[in-house]
Amino acid sequence: MKRPNKILLVIILIFGGLVLLRLAIKKPGADKPTAGKRTVEKVTVKAMPVKREDLNFILSYVGSIKAKDEINVFSKVPGKLLTYVASEGQAMEKGQTIALIDRDETGLKFELAPVESPINGVLGKTLLDKGANILAGSGIGGGTPLAIVVNMDEMTVKINVPEPDIPYMKNGLEAQIKVDAYPEDNFAGEVTKVSEVVDPGTRTLPIEITIPNPDHKLKSGMFARIKIIADQHKDALVLLQDTLVQELGANYVFIVEDHTAKKKKVTTGIKEDSKVEILEGLHEDEQVIVFGQQGLKDGTPVEIVEE
């Protein structure tokens, strides 16, 4: 046999041996798929127990603040405004002179007529320039207003309440007032007037809120955001609003049982800010999924991560 044929034979024998060795060490069934086994990944979620707390039913409105006693001041006699003897912002007592009027009438002895404050309060604004012609009156029967006197110890806000909110309105309800000038302050007020007549044009009910103002921080004309506490539910089951999952108009939550997500239908009650009352469907201390519930399916394995 020629030398090249011997080399080829050796190569064939080596290759054949390697194939036989591989077949000998390969485990039976190694290439077959594992039947009946499927790995399901757990979904990472955050959960917290359902707790009880007091929850307020809040109705929100906006309005303008006004001094409870805010009166336009008129002269009892006609003439010309000679001068103001009080300055804006000055405290006034009832009967104290605000301005002097030159009667300037033919046949009358020259005499200055005082214009007096009708109430205790503060001279809020003077309205005329010196020398202005003044007509006597009281406002109802004409006359020229010279100034505005306000009693700033109490302020009011008048609101027109929409028809759906009318059943909740009554005297004595607590109100919370916020103004831009003092963003960190909450001013406490109270519903003190509730009209018995609905405005037929707007279908709204006029109400009035009174706000104590001992420091005179609140000023007439300020824009106010008002929250009226219309009801309070004591010891209610409470969840964050974002916990709810809505489907076909119904509310659901997911709870965790044995590391599995369980879908439960719930009935909600009143809301306060981001919180909602749960009337039916849950029990206290059940672990409710508060993050990761969107898109979750009933029965999905879950893993709770700690804060």
Protein backbone atom coordinates (compact mmCIF):
# COMPACT_ATOMS: atom_id res chain seq x y z
CA MET A 1 0.00 0.00 0.00
CA LYS A 2 1.21 3.33 -0.90
CA ARG A 3 2.13 5.81 1.84
CA PRO A 4 -0.66 8.37 1.09
CA ASN A 5 -3.31 5.66 1.40
CA LYS A 6 -1.95 4.72 4.82
CA ILE A 7 -2.22 8.34 6.03
CA LEU A 8 -5.84 8.59 4.82
CA LEU A 9 -6.74 5.36 6.61
CA VAL A 10 -5.27 6.66 9.87
CA ILE A 11 -7.31 9.87 9.59
CA ILE A 12 -10.55 7.93 8.97
CA LEU A 13 -9.91 5.70 11.99
CA ILE A 14 -9.25 8.69 14.28
CA PHE A 15 -12.41 10.54 13.14
CA GLY A 16 -14.52 7.38 13.54
CA GLY A 17 -13.17 6.86 17.03
CA LEU A 18 -14.10 10.37 18.07
CA VAL A 19 -17.68 9.89 16.82
CA LEU A 20 -18.05 6.62 18.73
CA LEU A 21 -16.66 8.27 21.89
CA ARG A 22 -19.19 11.13 21.69
CA LEU A 23 -22.10 8.72 21.27
CA ALA A 24 -20.88 6.66 24.20
CA ILE A 25 -20.76 9.59 26.69
CA LYS A 26 -24.00 11.36 25.56
CA LYS A 27 -26.83 10.95 28.12
CA PRO A 28 -30.02 9.33 26.81
CA GLY A 29 -32.86 11.78 26.29
CA ALA A 30 -30.65 14.86 26.66
CA ASP A 31 -32.04 16.39 23.49
CA LYS A 32 -35.67 15.79 24.44
CA PRO A 33 -37.64 18.78 25.86
CA THR A 34 -38.73 18.52 29.48
CA ALA A 35 -42.43 17.76 29.41
CA GLY A 36 -44.84 19.39 31.88
CA LYS A 37 -42.29 21.87 33.31
CA ARG A 38 -42.74 25.65 32.80
CA THR A 39 -40.99 28.45 34.64
CA VAL A 40 -43.30 31.38 35.62
CA GLU A 41 -41.54 34.58 36.61
CA LYS A 42 -42.83 36.43 39.67
CA VAL A 43 -44.00 40.02 39.25
CA THR A 44 -42.40 42.51 41.61
CA VAL A 45 -44.97 44.63 43.48
CA LYS A 46 -45.36 46.86 46.49
CA ALA A 47 -48.12 46.22 49.00
CA MET A 48 -49.45 47.74 52.18
CA PRO A 49 -52.14 46.74 54.67
CA VAL A 50 -55.60 48.31 54.60
CA LYS A 51 -55.94 50.69 57.55
CA ARG A 52 -58.75 52.55 59.28
CA GLU A 53 -58.80 56.33 59.74
CA ASP A 54 -61.19 59.28 59.82
CA LEU A 55 -62.03 60.54 56.34
CA ASN A 56 -63.61 63.88 55.44
CA PHE A 57 -65.98 64.50 52.55
CA ILE A 58 -64.68 67.73 51.02
CA LEU A 59 -66.49 70.13 48.67
CA SER A 60 -64.19 72.66 46.95
CA TYR A 61 -65.01 76.16 45.69
CA VAL A 62 -63.39 79.50 44.90
CA GLY A 63 -64.50 83.02 45.78
CA SER A 64 -63.51 86.54 46.81
CA ILE A 65 -62.97 87.65 50.38
CA LYS A 66 -64.81 90.66 51.69
CA ALA A 67 -64.98 92.32 55.09
CA LYS A 68 -68.13 91.34 56.90
CA ASP A 69 -68.85 95.00 57.62
CA GLU A 70 -67.77 97.10 54.64
CA ILE A 71 -69.59 100.40 54.35
CA ASN A 72 -69.49 103.26 51.91
CA VAL A 73 -69.37 106.62 53.73
CA PHE A 74 -71.57 109.53 52.56
CA SER A 75 -71.90 113.17 53.54
CA LYS A 76 -75.13 114.40 55.13
CA VAL A 77 -74.77 117.76 53.40
CA PRO A 78 -73.77 118.86 49.87
CA GLY A 79 -70.65 120.90 49.15
CA LYS A 80 -67.00 120.48 48.20
CA LEU A 81 -64.48 118.09 49.73
CA LEU A 82 -62.09 120.31 51.67
CA THR A 83 -59.79 117.61 53.02
CA TYR A 84 -59.50 114.13 54.47
CA VAL A 85 -58.44 114.20 58.11
CA ALA A 86 -57.87 110.43 58.34
CA SER A 87 -55.55 108.25 56.25
CA GLU A 88 -56.12 104.89 54.58
CA GLY A 89 -55.37 102.05 56.99
CA GLN A 90 -56.07 104.19 60.05
CA ALA A 91 -58.20 102.66 62.79
CA MET A 92 -61.55 104.38 63.13
CA GLU A 93 -64.13 104.60 65.87
CA LYS A 94 -67.79 105.12 65.22
CA GLY A 95 -68.43 108.88 64.94
CA GLN A 96 -64.78 109.77 64.28
CA THR A 97 -64.28 112.38 61.55
CA ILE A 98 -62.98 111.14 58.20
CA ALA A 99 -63.29 114.27 56.05
CA LEU A 100 -64.46 117.89 56.10
CA ILE A 101 -66.98 119.36 53.65
CA ASP A 102 -67.17 123.04 52.69
CA ARG A 103 -70.91 123.56 52.37
CA ASP A 104 -70.38 126.57 50.11
CA GLU A 105 -74.05 127.53 50.03
CA THR A 106 -75.23 131.11 49.47
CA GLY A 107 -76.86 132.65 52.52
CA LEU A 108 -75.27 130.21 54.96
CA LYS A 109 -72.61 131.07 57.46
CA PHE A 110 -69.31 129.46 56.50
CA GLU A 111 -69.03 126.25 58.45
CA LEU A 112 -67.18 123.00 57.76
CA ALA A 113 -69.32 119.87 57.96
CA PRO A 114 -67.66 116.68 59.23
CA VAL A 115 -68.11 113.32 57.55
CA GLU A 116 -68.07 110.64 60.25
CA SER A 117 -67.33 106.93 60.34
CA PRO A 118 -70.55 104.93 60.74
CA ILE A 119 -68.83 101.94 62.43
CA ASN A 120 -65.74 100.91 64.31
CA GLY A 121 -63.12 99.61 61.91
CA VAL A 122 -60.40 100.75 59.53
CA LEU A 123 -60.45 103.41 56.84
CA GLY A 124 -60.06 101.05 53.90
CA LYS A 125 -60.07 103.51 51.00
CA THR A 126 -60.61 107.19 50.22
CA LEU A 127 -62.46 107.71 46.94
CA LEU A 128 -62.22 111.39 45.93
CA ASP A 129 -59.75 114.21 45.33
CA LYS A 130 -59.83 117.44 47.28
CA GLY A 131 -62.28 119.95 45.84
CA ALA A 132 -64.62 117.31 44.45
CA ASN A 133 -68.30 118.19 44.43
CA ILE A 134 -70.29 116.23 46.98
CA LEU A 135 -73.94 115.28 46.80
CA ALA A 136 -75.60 114.45 50.09
CA GLY A 137 -77.23 111.07 50.48
CA SER A 138 -77.03 107.61 51.99
CA GLY A 139 -76.32 105.45 48.97
CA ILE A 140 -79.90 104.23 48.77
CA GLY A 141 -81.26 107.62 47.85
CA GLY A 142 -78.23 108.84 45.90
CA GLY A 143 -75.24 110.71 47.21
CA THR A 144 -71.51 110.71 46.56
CA PRO A 145 -69.45 108.09 48.43
CA LEU A 146 -66.31 109.59 49.98
CA ALA A 147 -64.65 106.58 51.59
CA ILE A 148 -64.98 102.92 52.57
CA VAL A 149 -64.73 101.85 56.20
CA VAL A 150 -64.27 98.16 56.96
CA ASN A 151 -64.38 96.08 60.10
CA MET A 152 -61.65 93.52 59.39
CA ASP A 153 -62.11 91.44 62.54
CA GLU A 154 -64.34 89.13 60.51
CA MET A 155 -64.29 88.44 56.77
CA THR A 156 -66.80 86.67 54.55
CA VAL A 157 -66.88 84.73 51.30
CA LYS A 158 -70.09 84.36 49.33
CA ILE A 159 -70.40 81.23 47.17
CA ASN A 160 -73.02 79.93 44.76
CA VAL A 161 -73.26 76.19 45.42
CA PRO A 162 -74.20 73.92 42.47
CA GLU A 163 -77.39 71.90 42.76
CA PRO A 164 -75.77 68.46 43.45
CA ASP A 165 -74.03 69.91 46.53
CA ILE A 166 -77.14 71.55 48.02
CA PRO A 167 -78.20 68.56 50.19
CA TYR A 168 -74.96 68.86 52.18
CA MET A 169 -75.26 72.58 52.96
CA LYS A 170 -76.20 73.71 56.46
CA ASN A 171 -75.12 76.33 58.98
CA GLY A 172 -72.17 75.37 61.15
CA LEU A 173 -70.17 73.38 58.57
CA GLU A 174 -66.41 73.81 58.94
CA ALA A 175 -64.54 75.53 56.11
CA GLN A 176 -60.82 75.82 55.31
CA ILE A 177 -59.60 78.84 53.36
CA LYS A 178 -56.33 79.32 51.46
CA VAL A 179 -55.03 82.54 49.86
CA ASP A 180 -52.00 83.12 47.65
CA ALA A 181 -50.59 85.81 49.93
CA TYR A 182 -50.07 83.26 52.73
CA PRO A 183 -49.62 79.90 50.99
CA GLU A 184 -48.55 78.11 54.18
CA ASP A 185 -51.52 79.29 56.24
CA ASN A 186 -54.93 77.68 56.62
CA PHE A 187 -57.69 80.03 57.74
CA ALA A 188 -60.62 78.44 59.54
CA GLY A 189 -64.14 79.51 58.69
CA GLU A 190 -67.74 78.44 59.18
CA VAL A 191 -70.85 78.37 57.02
CA THR A 192 -73.08 81.02 58.62
CA LYS A 193 -75.78 81.67 55.98
CA VAL A 194 -77.55 79.24 53.69
CA SER A 195 -80.21 80.68 51.43
CA GLU A 196 -83.60 78.99 51.17
CA VAL A 197 -84.00 80.01 47.52
CA VAL A 198 -82.16 78.53 44.53
CA ASP A 199 -81.24 80.96 41.78
CA PRO A 200 -83.46 79.84 38.86
CA GLY A 201 -81.00 81.17 36.29
CA THR A 202 -77.92 79.29 37.50
CA ARG A 203 -79.54 76.56 39.60
CA THR A 204 -77.18 77.43 42.42
CA LEU A 205 -77.74 78.16 46.11
CA PRO A 206 -76.10 81.24 47.71
CA ILE A 207 -74.24 80.58 50.95
CA GLU A 208 -71.92 82.69 53.09
CA ILE A 209 -68.82 81.70 55.06
CA THR A 210 -67.55 83.78 57.98
CA ILE A 211 -63.80 83.81 58.74
CA PRO A 212 -62.28 85.22 61.96
CA ASN A 213 -59.47 87.62 61.08
CA PRO A 214 -57.92 88.85 64.34
CA ASP A 215 -54.52 89.58 62.77
CA HIS A 216 -56.09 91.38 59.79
CA LYS A 217 -54.05 89.24 57.39
CA LEU A 218 -57.02 88.72 55.11
CA LYS A 219 -57.93 91.72 52.96
CA SER A 220 -61.06 92.53 50.98
CA GLY A 221 -60.72 91.42 47.38
CA MET A 222 -58.35 88.50 47.99
CA PHE A 223 -58.95 85.39 45.89
CA ALA A 224 -59.74 82.41 48.09
CA ARG A 225 -59.82 78.63 47.63
CA ILE A 226 -62.39 77.14 49.95
CA LYS A 227 -62.88 73.58 51.18
CA ILE A 228 -66.07 72.82 53.07
CA ILE A 229 -66.08 69.69 55.21
CA ALA A 230 -69.56 68.43 54.32
CA ASP A 231 -69.34 65.09 56.15
CA GLN A 232 -66.92 62.92 58.12
CA HIS A 233 -66.74 59.15 58.30
CA LYS A 234 -65.06 57.88 61.45
CA ASP A 235 -62.83 54.79 61.47
CA ALA A 236 -63.28 54.12 57.75
CA LEU A 237 -61.30 51.61 55.68
CA VAL A 238 -59.06 53.79 53.52
CA LEU A 239 -56.90 53.23 50.44
CA LEU A 240 -54.98 55.48 48.08
CA GLN A 241 -57.06 56.35 45.02
CA ASP A 242 -54.28 55.14 42.67
CA THR A 243 -54.59 51.64 44.13
CA LEU A 244 -57.89 51.07 42.32
CA VAL A 245 -58.08 49.35 38.94
CA GLN A 246 -61.18 50.24 36.91
CA GLU A 247 -62.79 47.80 34.50
CA LEU A 248 -66.15 48.37 32.80
CA GLY A 249 -67.14 50.98 35.35
CA ALA A 250 -66.34 48.79 38.38
CA ASN A 251 -63.48 49.19 40.87
CA TYR A 252 -61.06 46.39 41.71
CA VAL A 253 -57.94 45.93 43.82
CA PHE A 254 -55.32 43.20 43.96
CA ILE A 255 -54.41 41.65 47.30
CA VAL A 256 -51.54 39.28 48.06
CA GLU A 257 -52.33 35.78 49.33
CA ASP A 258 -49.60 33.11 49.51
CA HIS A 259 -47.36 35.11 47.17
CA THR A 260 -50.16 35.27 44.60
CA ALA A 261 -52.17 38.25 43.32
CA LYS A 262 -55.90 37.92 43.99
CA LYS A 263 -58.35 40.26 42.25
CA LYS A 264 -61.19 41.62 44.39
CA LYS A 265 -64.11 43.88 43.49
CA VAL A 266 -64.66 46.77 45.91
CA THR A 267 -67.34 49.38 46.59
CA THR A 268 -66.03 52.88 47.28
CA GLY A 269 -67.42 55.72 49.41
CA ILE A 270 -66.30 59.28 50.01
CA LYS A 271 -62.99 60.70 48.80
CA GLU A 272 -60.55 63.13 50.39
CA ASP A 273 -57.62 64.34 48.29
CA SER A 274 -55.81 61.15 47.16
CA LYS A 275 -57.63 58.84 49.59
CA VAL A 276 -60.83 56.85 49.09
CA GLU A 277 -63.13 55.01 51.47
CA ILE A 278 -63.76 51.28 50.91
CA LEU A 279 -67.29 50.24 51.89
CA GLU A 280 -67.26 46.62 50.72
CA GLY A 281 -64.81 44.03 49.42
CA LEU A 282 -61.88 44.33 51.82
CA HIS A 283 -60.98 43.63 55.42
CA GLU A 284 -58.59 45.48 57.69
CA ASP A 285 -54.90 44.53 57.35
CA GLU A 286 -55.31 42.71 54.03
CA GLN A 287 -52.19 43.29 51.93
CA VAL A 288 -53.25 45.42 48.98
CA ILE A 289 -50.92 45.91 46.00
CA VAL A 290 -50.25 49.64 45.64
CA PHE A 291 -47.59 49.53 42.91
CA GLY A 292 -47.41 47.14 39.97
CA GLN A 293 -51.14 46.36 39.88
CA GLN A 294 -51.80 47.87 36.45
CA GLY A 295 -51.93 45.07 33.90
CA LEU A 296 -51.73 42.40 36.62
CA LYS A 297 -53.77 39.22 36.20
CA ASP A 298 -55.65 37.26 38.83
CA GLY A 299 -53.49 34.39 40.07
CA THR A 300 -50.14 35.84 38.99
CA PRO A 301 -47.23 34.95 41.33
CA VAL A 302 -45.85 38.08 42.95
CA GLU A 303 -42.91 39.11 45.06
CA ILE A 304 -43.32 42.00 47.49
CA VAL A 305 -40.43 44.43 47.68
CA GLU A 306 -39.87 46.42 50.85
CA GLU A 307 -39.60 50.21 50.86
